[in-house]
Amino acid sequence: MGRCGGLRPKNCDFDVTPLSSTMAASGGEFSAKVSEPRRECTWAAESRVPWIIQRTPAPGAEECGNPPAPARFEVQPNTSTASRVGVLRIAGRDVTITQAGAAPSCQYRLNGSRDVTIPASGGSGSVSWTLVSGTNCTWTAQVP
């Protein structure tokens, strides 16, 4: 007999919660609770994307169904501004992780002078700039 108490029955019915989660761009730990009333029911987990690292159970190892045990993963930081979706396989169930994209890193270059002189009688002026790096950048202008 193995450490879980015997042969695995064919009719194991695992409860995995949660089946989906959202993560910040900075990453962090994700944990899902896995339970099945019978100890002899065993389960395994795996990450199907390289940016989610499996911690417990160890890759290739199995856990017993009872008592309930967590599946733990480390979600790596997302340096892209685009969000991404990864799938984990835990106790035969697909678990979806949606990770936010990183805030854009925007750099601008001012074209010419930043000073605009408007006569007391009124008028208009302008300044211009060029986006040097970044995507999905936003900007605001204000008069001091």
N, C-alpha and C. Protein backbone atom coordinates (compact mmCIF):
# COMPACT_ATOMS: atom_id res chain seq x y z
N MET A 1 0.83 -1.18 0.00
CA MET A 1 0.00 0.00 0.00
C MET A 1 0.88 1.25 0.00
N GLY A 2 0.41 2.28 -0.74
CA GLY A 2 1.10 3.55 -0.77
C GLY A 2 0.71 4.42 0.42
N ARG A 3 1.25 5.59 0.49
CA ARG A 3 1.00 6.47 1.64
C ARG A 3 -0.44 6.96 1.69
N CYS A 4 -1.19 6.82 0.58
CA CYS A 4 -2.58 7.26 0.56
C CYS A 4 -3.56 6.15 0.89
N GLY A 5 -3.09 4.96 1.18
CA GLY A 5 -3.98 3.94 1.69
C GLY A 5 -4.43 2.88 0.71
N GLY A 6 -3.87 2.76 -0.45
CA GLY A 6 -4.25 1.66 -1.32
C GLY A 6 -4.38 2.05 -2.77
N LEU A 7 -5.08 1.21 -3.53
CA LEU A 7 -5.27 1.45 -4.95
C LEU A 7 -6.28 2.57 -5.16
N ARG A 8 -6.11 3.29 -6.23
CA ARG A 8 -7.00 4.42 -6.52
C ARG A 8 -8.30 3.93 -7.14
N PRO A 9 -9.44 4.24 -6.52
CA PRO A 9 -10.74 3.89 -7.12
C PRO A 9 -10.96 4.64 -8.42
N LYS A 10 -11.80 4.10 -9.28
CA LYS A 10 -12.08 4.73 -10.58
C LYS A 10 -13.07 5.88 -10.47
N ASN A 11 -13.83 5.95 -9.41
CA ASN A 11 -14.90 6.95 -9.31
C ASN A 11 -14.57 8.09 -8.35
N CYS A 12 -13.33 8.54 -8.30
CA CYS A 12 -12.96 9.67 -7.45
C CYS A 12 -13.56 10.95 -8.02
N ASP A 13 -14.08 11.78 -7.14
CA ASP A 13 -14.72 13.03 -7.56
C ASP A 13 -14.14 14.18 -6.74
N PHE A 14 -13.12 14.83 -7.29
CA PHE A 14 -12.42 15.89 -6.56
C PHE A 14 -13.15 17.22 -6.67
N ASP A 15 -13.10 17.96 -5.57
CA ASP A 15 -13.59 19.34 -5.54
C ASP A 15 -12.35 20.23 -5.54
N VAL A 16 -12.24 21.11 -6.54
CA VAL A 16 -11.12 22.03 -6.66
C VAL A 16 -11.67 23.45 -6.61
N THR A 17 -11.20 24.25 -5.66
CA THR A 17 -11.66 25.64 -5.56
C THR A 17 -10.47 26.56 -5.29
N PRO A 18 -10.40 27.68 -5.96
CA PRO A 18 -11.28 28.14 -7.04
C PRO A 18 -10.86 27.53 -8.38
N LEU A 19 -11.76 27.60 -9.36
CA LEU A 19 -11.46 27.11 -10.71
C LEU A 19 -10.94 28.22 -11.63
N SER A 20 -10.93 29.46 -11.10
CA SER A 20 -10.36 30.58 -11.86
C SER A 20 -9.90 31.64 -10.87
N SER A 21 -8.95 32.45 -11.33
CA SER A 21 -8.43 33.51 -10.48
C SER A 21 -7.81 34.59 -11.36
N THR A 22 -7.78 35.81 -10.83
CA THR A 22 -7.07 36.90 -11.50
C THR A 22 -5.88 37.29 -10.65
N MET A 23 -4.81 37.64 -11.32
CA MET A 23 -3.56 38.01 -10.63
C MET A 23 -3.11 39.37 -11.13
N ALA A 24 -2.44 40.11 -10.27
CA ALA A 24 -1.84 41.38 -10.64
C ALA A 24 -0.64 41.14 -11.55
N ALA A 25 -0.23 42.14 -12.28
CA ALA A 25 0.93 42.03 -13.16
C ALA A 25 2.19 41.66 -12.38
N SER A 26 2.25 42.03 -11.11
CA SER A 26 3.43 41.73 -10.28
C SER A 26 3.57 40.26 -9.95
N GLY A 27 2.52 39.46 -10.18
CA GLY A 27 2.57 38.03 -9.90
C GLY A 27 2.30 37.74 -8.44
N GLY A 28 2.67 36.54 -8.00
CA GLY A 28 2.46 36.15 -6.61
C GLY A 28 2.08 34.69 -6.53
N GLU A 29 1.60 34.28 -5.36
CA GLU A 29 1.25 32.89 -5.14
C GLU A 29 -0.23 32.65 -5.43
N PHE A 30 -0.51 31.52 -6.07
CA PHE A 30 -1.88 31.06 -6.28
C PHE A 30 -2.01 29.71 -5.58
N SER A 31 -3.12 29.53 -4.86
CA SER A 31 -3.37 28.29 -4.15
C SER A 31 -4.79 27.85 -4.41
N ALA A 32 -4.98 26.55 -4.68
CA ALA A 32 -6.31 25.98 -4.85
C ALA A 32 -6.47 24.85 -3.84
N LYS A 33 -7.64 24.75 -3.24
CA LYS A 33 -7.93 23.69 -2.28
C LYS A 33 -8.48 22.48 -3.04
N VAL A 34 -7.94 21.32 -2.74
CA VAL A 34 -8.35 20.08 -3.40
C VAL A 34 -8.86 19.12 -2.33
N SER A 35 -10.08 18.59 -2.52
CA SER A 35 -10.61 17.64 -1.55
C SER A 35 -11.41 16.54 -2.23
N GLU A 36 -11.46 15.39 -1.56
CA GLU A 36 -12.23 14.21 -1.96
C GLU A 36 -12.40 13.43 -0.68
N PRO A 37 -13.60 12.94 -0.37
CA PRO A 37 -13.81 12.32 0.93
C PRO A 37 -12.95 11.09 1.22
N ARG A 38 -12.46 10.42 0.18
CA ARG A 38 -11.72 9.17 0.41
C ARG A 38 -10.21 9.40 0.31
N ARG A 39 -9.50 8.91 1.29
CA ARG A 39 -8.04 9.04 1.33
C ARG A 39 -7.36 8.34 0.17
N GLU A 40 -7.89 7.22 -0.28
CA GLU A 40 -7.23 6.44 -1.34
C GLU A 40 -7.33 7.09 -2.72
N CYS A 41 -8.11 8.13 -2.85
CA CYS A 41 -8.17 8.87 -4.11
C CYS A 41 -6.99 9.82 -4.17
N THR A 42 -6.16 9.67 -5.17
CA THR A 42 -4.97 10.52 -5.29
C THR A 42 -5.11 11.49 -6.45
N TRP A 43 -4.39 12.60 -6.37
CA TRP A 43 -4.45 13.61 -7.42
C TRP A 43 -3.06 14.19 -7.64
N ALA A 44 -2.90 14.78 -8.81
CA ALA A 44 -1.66 15.46 -9.18
C ALA A 44 -2.01 16.81 -9.78
N ALA A 45 -1.01 17.63 -9.98
CA ALA A 45 -1.22 18.96 -10.57
C ALA A 45 -0.10 19.24 -11.56
N GLU A 46 -0.37 20.18 -12.47
CA GLU A 46 0.67 20.62 -13.41
C GLU A 46 0.31 21.99 -13.96
N SER A 47 1.35 22.74 -14.26
CA SER A 47 1.18 24.02 -14.94
C SER A 47 1.36 23.77 -16.42
N ARG A 48 0.49 24.38 -17.22
CA ARG A 48 0.59 24.20 -18.67
C ARG A 48 1.20 25.41 -19.37
N VAL A 49 1.74 26.34 -18.57
CA VAL A 49 2.42 27.51 -19.12
C VAL A 49 3.73 27.73 -18.36
N PRO A 50 4.78 28.21 -19.01
CA PRO A 50 6.07 28.34 -18.34
C PRO A 50 6.13 29.45 -17.29
N TRP A 51 5.20 30.39 -17.31
CA TRP A 51 5.27 31.52 -16.37
C TRP A 51 4.52 31.25 -15.05
N ILE A 52 3.97 30.06 -14.90
CA ILE A 52 3.38 29.65 -13.62
C ILE A 52 4.16 28.42 -13.16
N ILE A 53 4.85 28.55 -12.03
CA ILE A 53 5.75 27.51 -11.51
C ILE A 53 5.02 26.70 -10.43
N GLN A 54 5.00 25.39 -10.60
CA GLN A 54 4.35 24.51 -9.62
C GLN A 54 5.23 24.37 -8.39
N ARG A 55 4.63 24.53 -7.21
CA ARG A 55 5.36 24.37 -5.94
C ARG A 55 4.94 23.10 -5.21
N THR A 56 3.62 22.90 -4.93
CA THR A 56 3.14 21.68 -4.27
C THR A 56 1.83 21.24 -4.89
N PRO A 57 1.62 19.96 -5.07
CA PRO A 57 2.65 18.93 -4.89
C PRO A 57 3.75 19.12 -5.92
N ALA A 58 4.89 18.54 -5.66
CA ALA A 58 6.01 18.64 -6.59
C ALA A 58 5.59 18.05 -7.94
N PRO A 59 6.12 18.57 -9.04
CA PRO A 59 5.77 18.01 -10.34
C PRO A 59 5.98 16.49 -10.37
N GLY A 60 4.96 15.77 -10.82
CA GLY A 60 5.01 14.32 -10.89
C GLY A 60 4.58 13.61 -9.62
N ALA A 61 4.45 14.32 -8.51
CA ALA A 61 4.03 13.71 -7.24
C ALA A 61 2.51 13.74 -7.12
N GLU A 62 1.98 12.86 -6.27
CA GLU A 62 0.54 12.81 -6.03
C GLU A 62 0.26 13.10 -4.57
N GLU A 63 -0.93 13.62 -4.32
CA GLU A 63 -1.42 13.88 -2.97
C GLU A 63 -2.64 13.02 -2.71
N CYS A 64 -2.96 12.80 -1.45
CA CYS A 64 -4.15 12.05 -1.07
C CYS A 64 -5.38 12.95 -1.13
N GLY A 65 -6.54 12.35 -1.37
CA GLY A 65 -7.78 13.12 -1.43
C GLY A 65 -8.25 13.63 -0.08
N ASN A 66 -7.93 12.91 0.98
CA ASN A 66 -8.39 13.31 2.30
C ASN A 66 -7.23 13.12 3.27
N PRO A 67 -6.86 14.10 4.08
CA PRO A 67 -7.51 15.39 4.26
C PRO A 67 -7.26 16.31 3.07
N PRO A 68 -8.11 17.36 2.94
CA PRO A 68 -7.93 18.31 1.83
C PRO A 68 -6.51 18.89 1.83
N ALA A 69 -5.98 19.07 0.66
CA ALA A 69 -4.62 19.60 0.52
C ALA A 69 -4.62 20.72 -0.51
N PRO A 70 -3.70 21.68 -0.38
CA PRO A 70 -3.63 22.75 -1.37
C PRO A 70 -2.68 22.40 -2.52
N ALA A 71 -3.00 22.91 -3.68
CA ALA A 71 -2.06 22.93 -4.81
C ALA A 71 -1.55 24.36 -4.86
N ARG A 72 -0.23 24.53 -4.82
CA ARG A 72 0.35 25.88 -4.78
C ARG A 72 1.22 26.11 -6.01
N PHE A 73 1.10 27.33 -6.54
CA PHE A 73 1.85 27.74 -7.72
C PHE A 73 2.37 29.15 -7.51
N GLU A 74 3.46 29.48 -8.18
CA GLU A 74 4.01 30.83 -8.17
C GLU A 74 3.83 31.43 -9.55
N VAL A 75 3.11 32.54 -9.63
CA VAL A 75 2.87 33.23 -10.89
C VAL A 75 3.96 34.29 -11.05
N GLN A 76 4.73 34.18 -12.13
CA GLN A 76 5.83 35.11 -12.40
C GLN A 76 5.29 36.47 -12.83
N PRO A 77 6.04 37.56 -12.62
CA PRO A 77 5.59 38.88 -13.05
C PRO A 77 5.38 38.95 -14.56
N ASN A 78 4.38 39.70 -14.97
CA ASN A 78 4.09 39.93 -16.39
C ASN A 78 4.70 41.27 -16.78
N THR A 79 5.72 41.26 -17.60
CA THR A 79 6.38 42.51 -18.00
C THR A 79 5.76 43.10 -19.26
N SER A 80 4.89 42.35 -19.92
CA SER A 80 4.19 42.85 -21.10
C SER A 80 3.01 43.71 -20.66
N THR A 81 2.63 44.66 -21.48
CA THR A 81 1.45 45.47 -21.16
C THR A 81 0.16 44.72 -21.48
N ALA A 82 0.26 43.61 -22.20
CA ALA A 82 -0.91 42.80 -22.54
C ALA A 82 -1.19 41.81 -21.41
N SER A 83 -2.46 41.58 -21.10
CA SER A 83 -2.80 40.56 -20.12
C SER A 83 -2.55 39.18 -20.73
N ARG A 84 -2.52 38.15 -19.90
CA ARG A 84 -2.30 36.80 -20.39
C ARG A 84 -3.12 35.81 -19.57
N VAL A 85 -3.36 34.65 -20.17
CA VAL A 85 -4.18 33.61 -19.54
C VAL A 85 -3.38 32.31 -19.54
N GLY A 86 -3.36 31.64 -18.40
CA GLY A 86 -2.68 30.36 -18.27
C GLY A 86 -3.62 29.33 -17.69
N VAL A 87 -3.37 28.06 -18.01
CA VAL A 87 -4.21 26.97 -17.51
C VAL A 87 -3.36 26.03 -16.66
N LEU A 88 -3.93 25.66 -15.52
CA LEU A 88 -3.35 24.67 -14.63
C LEU A 88 -4.25 23.45 -14.68
N ARG A 89 -3.68 22.28 -14.52
CA ARG A 89 -4.48 21.05 -14.44
C ARG A 89 -4.30 20.53 -13.01
N ILE A 90 -5.38 20.55 -12.24
CA ILE A 90 -5.33 20.16 -10.83
C ILE A 90 -6.41 19.11 -10.59
N ALA A 91 -6.00 17.93 -10.17
CA ALA A 91 -6.93 16.83 -9.85
C ALA A 91 -7.94 16.61 -10.98
N GLY A 92 -7.43 16.67 -12.21
CA GLY A 92 -8.28 16.42 -13.36
C GLY A 92 -9.15 17.59 -13.80
N ARG A 93 -9.02 18.72 -13.15
CA ARG A 93 -9.82 19.91 -13.50
C ARG A 93 -8.91 21.00 -14.06
N ASP A 94 -9.45 21.75 -15.03
CA ASP A 94 -8.72 22.91 -15.56
C ASP A 94 -9.00 24.12 -14.70
N VAL A 95 -7.95 24.81 -14.31
CA VAL A 95 -8.04 26.04 -13.52
C VAL A 95 -7.42 27.14 -14.36
N THR A 96 -8.16 28.24 -14.56
CA THR A 96 -7.72 29.34 -15.42
C THR A 96 -7.19 30.50 -14.58
N ILE A 97 -5.99 30.96 -14.91
CA ILE A 97 -5.37 32.11 -14.25
C ILE A 97 -5.27 33.23 -15.29
N THR A 98 -5.88 34.37 -15.00
CA THR A 98 -5.78 35.55 -15.87
C THR A 98 -4.91 36.57 -15.16
N GLN A 99 -3.84 36.98 -15.81
CA GLN A 99 -2.92 37.94 -15.21
C GLN A 99 -2.95 39.26 -15.96
N ALA A 100 -3.05 40.34 -15.21
CA ALA A 100 -3.09 41.68 -15.79
C ALA A 100 -1.75 42.01 -16.46
N GLY A 101 -1.81 42.90 -17.42
CA GLY A 101 -0.60 43.39 -18.06
C GLY A 101 0.07 44.46 -17.22
N ALA A 102 1.35 44.66 -17.43
CA ALA A 102 2.10 45.68 -16.70
C ALA A 102 1.70 47.07 -17.19
N ALA A 103 1.84 48.03 -16.31
CA ALA A 103 1.57 49.42 -16.69
C ALA A 103 2.58 49.82 -17.77
N PRO A 104 2.12 50.57 -18.77
CA PRO A 104 3.05 50.95 -19.83
C PRO A 104 4.18 51.83 -19.30
N SER A 105 5.34 51.65 -19.84
CA SER A 105 6.49 52.47 -19.51
C SER A 105 6.66 53.45 -20.67
N CYS A 106 6.20 54.65 -20.48
CA CYS A 106 6.16 55.64 -21.57
C CYS A 106 7.24 56.69 -21.40
N GLN A 107 7.95 56.95 -22.48
CA GLN A 107 8.95 58.01 -22.49
C GLN A 107 8.66 58.92 -23.69
N TYR A 108 8.71 60.22 -23.43
CA TYR A 108 8.43 61.22 -24.46
C TYR A 108 9.65 62.10 -24.65
N ARG A 109 9.78 62.66 -25.84
CA ARG A 109 10.82 63.65 -26.13
C ARG A 109 10.12 64.91 -26.62
N LEU A 110 10.43 66.03 -25.98
CA LEU A 110 9.85 67.32 -26.36
C LEU A 110 10.52 67.81 -27.64
N ASN A 111 9.72 68.21 -28.61
CA ASN A 111 10.24 68.76 -29.87
C ASN A 111 10.31 70.27 -29.73
N GLY A 112 11.50 70.80 -29.63
CA GLY A 112 11.65 72.25 -29.51
C GLY A 112 11.51 72.71 -28.06
N SER A 113 11.06 73.94 -27.91
CA SER A 113 10.96 74.56 -26.59
C SER A 113 9.67 74.17 -25.88
N ARG A 114 9.71 74.18 -24.57
CA ARG A 114 8.50 73.92 -23.79
C ARG A 114 7.82 75.23 -23.41
N ASP A 115 8.46 76.35 -23.71
CA ASP A 115 7.90 77.66 -23.37
C ASP A 115 7.07 78.20 -24.53
N VAL A 116 5.89 78.67 -24.21
CA VAL A 116 5.00 79.29 -25.19
C VAL A 116 4.62 80.66 -24.64
N THR A 117 4.78 81.68 -25.45
CA THR A 117 4.42 83.02 -25.04
C THR A 117 3.14 83.43 -25.76
N ILE A 118 2.15 83.81 -24.98
CA ILE A 118 0.87 84.28 -25.52
C ILE A 118 0.75 85.75 -25.15
N PRO A 119 0.49 86.63 -26.12
CA PRO A 119 0.36 88.05 -25.79
C PRO A 119 -0.85 88.31 -24.91
N ALA A 120 -0.83 89.41 -24.18
CA ALA A 120 -1.92 89.78 -23.27
C ALA A 120 -3.24 89.88 -24.01
N SER A 121 -3.20 90.20 -25.28
CA SER A 121 -4.43 90.34 -26.06
C SER A 121 -5.05 89.00 -26.44
N GLY A 122 -4.33 87.88 -26.10
CA GLY A 122 -4.87 86.55 -26.39
C GLY A 122 -4.18 85.92 -27.58
N GLY A 123 -4.55 84.71 -27.88
CA GLY A 123 -3.96 83.99 -28.99
C GLY A 123 -3.78 82.52 -28.62
N SER A 124 -2.97 81.85 -29.37
CA SER A 124 -2.74 80.43 -29.11
C SER A 124 -1.27 80.12 -29.28
N GLY A 125 -0.89 78.99 -28.80
CA GLY A 125 0.48 78.51 -28.92
C GLY A 125 0.45 76.99 -28.84
N SER A 126 1.55 76.39 -29.11
CA SER A 126 1.58 74.93 -29.05
C SER A 126 2.98 74.44 -28.74
N VAL A 127 3.01 73.24 -28.24
CA VAL A 127 4.25 72.50 -28.07
C VAL A 127 3.99 71.12 -28.67
N SER A 128 5.04 70.44 -29.04
CA SER A 128 4.85 69.08 -29.56
C SER A 128 5.89 68.16 -28.96
N TRP A 129 5.56 66.88 -28.94
CA TRP A 129 6.46 65.87 -28.42
C TRP A 129 6.33 64.62 -29.24
N THR A 130 7.31 63.73 -29.04
CA THR A 130 7.35 62.46 -29.74
C THR A 130 7.39 61.34 -28.70
N LEU A 131 6.61 60.31 -28.92
CA LEU A 131 6.65 59.15 -28.05
C LEU A 131 7.90 58.36 -28.42
N VAL A 132 8.82 58.22 -27.48
CA VAL A 132 10.09 57.53 -27.71
C VAL A 132 9.94 56.02 -27.46
N SER A 133 9.24 55.65 -26.40
CA SER A 133 9.04 54.23 -26.11
C SER A 133 7.74 54.04 -25.33
N GLY A 134 7.16 52.86 -25.48
CA GLY A 134 5.93 52.52 -24.78
C GLY A 134 4.80 52.32 -25.77
N THR A 135 3.77 51.64 -25.30
CA THR A 135 2.56 51.44 -26.09
C THR A 135 1.36 51.71 -25.18
N ASN A 136 0.25 52.04 -25.77
CA ASN A 136 -0.97 52.35 -25.03
C ASN A 136 -0.74 53.45 -24.00
N CYS A 137 0.09 54.42 -24.36
CA CYS A 137 0.42 55.52 -23.45
C CYS A 137 -0.66 56.60 -23.53
N THR A 138 -0.91 57.22 -22.39
CA THR A 138 -1.85 58.34 -22.34
C THR A 138 -1.11 59.55 -21.79
N TRP A 139 -1.65 60.73 -22.01
CA TRP A 139 -1.02 61.93 -21.51
C TRP A 139 -2.08 62.97 -21.19
N THR A 140 -1.70 63.92 -20.38
CA THR A 140 -2.56 65.07 -20.07
C THR A 140 -1.71 66.32 -20.14
N ALA A 141 -2.37 67.43 -20.35
CA ALA A 141 -1.69 68.72 -20.35
C ALA A 141 -2.39 69.63 -19.37
N GLN A 142 -1.62 70.47 -18.73
CA GLN A 142 -2.22 71.42 -17.79
C GLN A 142 -1.44 72.71 -17.81
N VAL A 143 -2.13 73.77 -17.51
CA VAL A 143 -1.53 75.09 -17.43
C VAL A 143 -1.30 75.39 -15.96
N PRO A 144 -0.06 75.75 -15.59
CA PRO A 144 0.23 76.02 -14.17
C PRO A 144 -0.50 77.23 -13.66
